Amino acid sequence: MLKTRHKDGVAIIDVSGTVRFGPEANQFHNTIIEVFEKGNPKILLNLAALDRFDSSGLGSLVSAYASITRREGALKLLNPGHRVADLLKITNTAGLFEIFTDEATALSSFSPAR
């Protein structure tokens, strides 16, 4: 499940449940891109309630990240669980993302609104 909220000029997408191969990964990717295209260049993905995440979910995440950063947006991660963190390390993609464990710190890491 994906819920979007806004705080301090940042769109925060709270991700819960499962993001795996198939419709879940597609919805995950599409939601991130839709939030960006609705005029939200700063996106924080809160992964604290994410239970399952596989390589397809990771592919969707990396694809969304690439699309957003190419268009001068920012996508950062908040509270990835150990499974997500391990998958990021194993696939050498952890370095792509700024990763935070505190929402206030994550929000303050975004540059001021233009």
Protein backbone atom coordinates (compact mmCIF):
# COMPACT_ATOMS: atom_id res chain seq x y z
CA MET A 1 0.00 0.00 0.00
CA LEU A 2 1.23 3.46 -0.89
CA LYS A 3 0.05 6.65 0.82
CA THR A 4 1.36 10.09 0.01
CA ARG A 5 1.57 12.98 2.43
CA HIS A 6 3.35 16.33 2.26
CA LYS A 7 5.57 18.04 4.78
CA ASP A 8 8.00 20.95 4.44
CA GLY A 9 7.74 20.94 0.64
CA VAL A 10 8.55 17.23 0.38
CA ALA A 11 6.22 14.49 -0.83
CA ILE A 12 6.54 11.56 1.55
CA ILE A 13 5.35 8.23 0.21
CA ASP A 14 4.67 5.77 3.01
CA VAL A 15 5.18 2.26 1.62
CA SER A 16 3.71 -0.72 3.44
CA GLY A 17 3.12 -4.37 2.69
CA THR A 18 4.83 -5.98 -0.26
CA VAL A 19 6.64 -4.74 -3.36
CA ARG A 20 7.48 -7.76 -5.46
CA PHE A 21 7.43 -8.96 -9.05
CA GLY A 22 4.33 -8.08 -11.05
CA PRO A 23 1.60 -5.55 -10.37
CA GLU A 24 3.03 -4.52 -6.98
CA ALA A 25 6.36 -3.43 -8.47
CA ASN A 26 4.62 -1.66 -11.35
CA GLN A 27 2.29 0.21 -9.00
CA PHE A 28 5.25 1.17 -6.80
CA HIS A 29 7.14 2.63 -9.76
CA ASN A 30 4.09 4.32 -11.25
CA THR A 31 3.10 5.95 -7.97
CA ILE A 32 6.56 7.44 -7.45
CA ILE A 33 6.60 8.83 -11.00
CA GLU A 34 3.03 10.16 -10.73
CA VAL A 35 3.86 11.99 -7.50
CA PHE A 36 6.89 13.53 -9.20
CA GLU A 37 4.93 14.51 -12.32
CA LYS A 38 2.29 16.22 -10.20
CA GLY A 39 4.88 18.85 -9.31
CA ASN A 40 6.71 17.22 -6.42
CA PRO A 41 10.43 17.22 -7.26
CA LYS A 42 11.42 16.21 -3.70
CA ILE A 43 10.33 12.71 -2.72
CA LEU A 44 11.05 10.75 0.42
CA LEU A 45 10.15 7.06 0.46
CA ASN A 46 9.31 5.87 3.96
CA LEU A 47 10.02 2.14 3.91
CA ALA A 48 9.52 1.46 7.63
CA ALA A 49 6.36 -0.62 7.10
CA LEU A 50 7.59 -2.47 4.00
CA ASP A 51 7.40 -6.20 4.73
CA ARG A 52 8.62 -7.79 1.51
CA PHE A 53 10.77 -6.37 -1.25
CA ASP A 54 12.41 -8.32 -4.06
CA SER A 55 14.72 -7.64 -6.98
CA SER A 56 11.77 -6.54 -9.12
CA GLY A 57 10.85 -3.97 -6.48
CA LEU A 58 14.47 -2.85 -6.43
CA GLY A 59 14.44 -2.52 -10.22
CA SER A 60 11.34 -0.34 -9.99
CA LEU A 61 13.00 1.80 -7.31
CA VAL A 62 16.21 2.27 -9.30
CA SER A 63 14.26 3.06 -12.47
CA ALA A 64 12.16 5.69 -10.67
CA TYR A 65 15.32 7.15 -9.11
CA ALA A 66 17.01 7.43 -12.50
CA SER A 67 13.95 9.04 -14.10
CA ILE A 68 13.55 11.57 -11.31
CA THR A 69 17.21 12.55 -10.97
CA ARG A 70 17.56 12.95 -14.75
CA ARG A 71 14.79 15.53 -14.48
CA GLU A 72 16.50 17.34 -11.60
CA GLY A 73 14.36 15.86 -8.85
CA ALA A 74 15.47 14.13 -5.67
CA LEU A 75 14.45 10.74 -4.30
CA LYS A 76 15.66 9.67 -0.85
CA LEU A 77 14.95 6.71 1.41
CA LEU A 78 13.75 6.66 5.00
CA ASN A 79 13.90 3.68 7.35
CA PRO A 80 14.68 0.83 4.98
CA GLY A 81 14.42 -2.41 6.92
CA HIS A 82 17.29 -4.88 7.06
CA ARG A 83 15.97 -6.84 4.05
CA VAL A 84 15.86 -3.75 1.86
CA ALA A 85 19.23 -2.56 3.15
CA ASP A 86 20.75 -6.00 2.48
CA LEU A 87 19.34 -6.06 -1.06
CA LEU A 88 20.76 -2.59 -1.72
CA LYS A 89 24.19 -3.72 -0.46
CA ILE A 90 24.22 -7.03 -2.34
CA THR A 91 23.33 -5.33 -5.62
CA ASN A 92 25.73 -2.41 -5.07
CA THR A 93 22.89 0.11 -5.38
CA ALA A 94 23.02 1.48 -1.81
CA GLY A 95 25.38 4.24 -2.97
CA LEU A 96 22.73 5.68 -5.28
CA PHE A 97 20.50 6.75 -2.44
CA GLU A 98 20.69 9.05 0.52
CA ILE A 99 19.33 6.90 3.33
CA PHE A 100 17.97 8.22 6.62
CA THR A 101 16.60 6.76 9.85
CA ASP A 102 15.00 9.99 11.09
CA GLU A 103 12.25 11.81 9.20
CA ALA A 104 13.18 15.30 10.44
CA THR A 105 16.79 14.81 9.35
CA ALA A 106 15.68 13.46 5.98
CA LEU A 107 13.36 16.42 5.40
CA SER A 108 16.05 18.93 6.30
CA SER A 109 18.46 17.27 3.82
CA PHE A 110 16.43 18.53 0.87
CA SER A 111 17.47 21.89 -0.52
CA PRO A 112 15.10 24.80 0.17
CA ALA A 113 12.13 25.25 -2.15
CA ARG A 114 12.86 27.03 -5.39
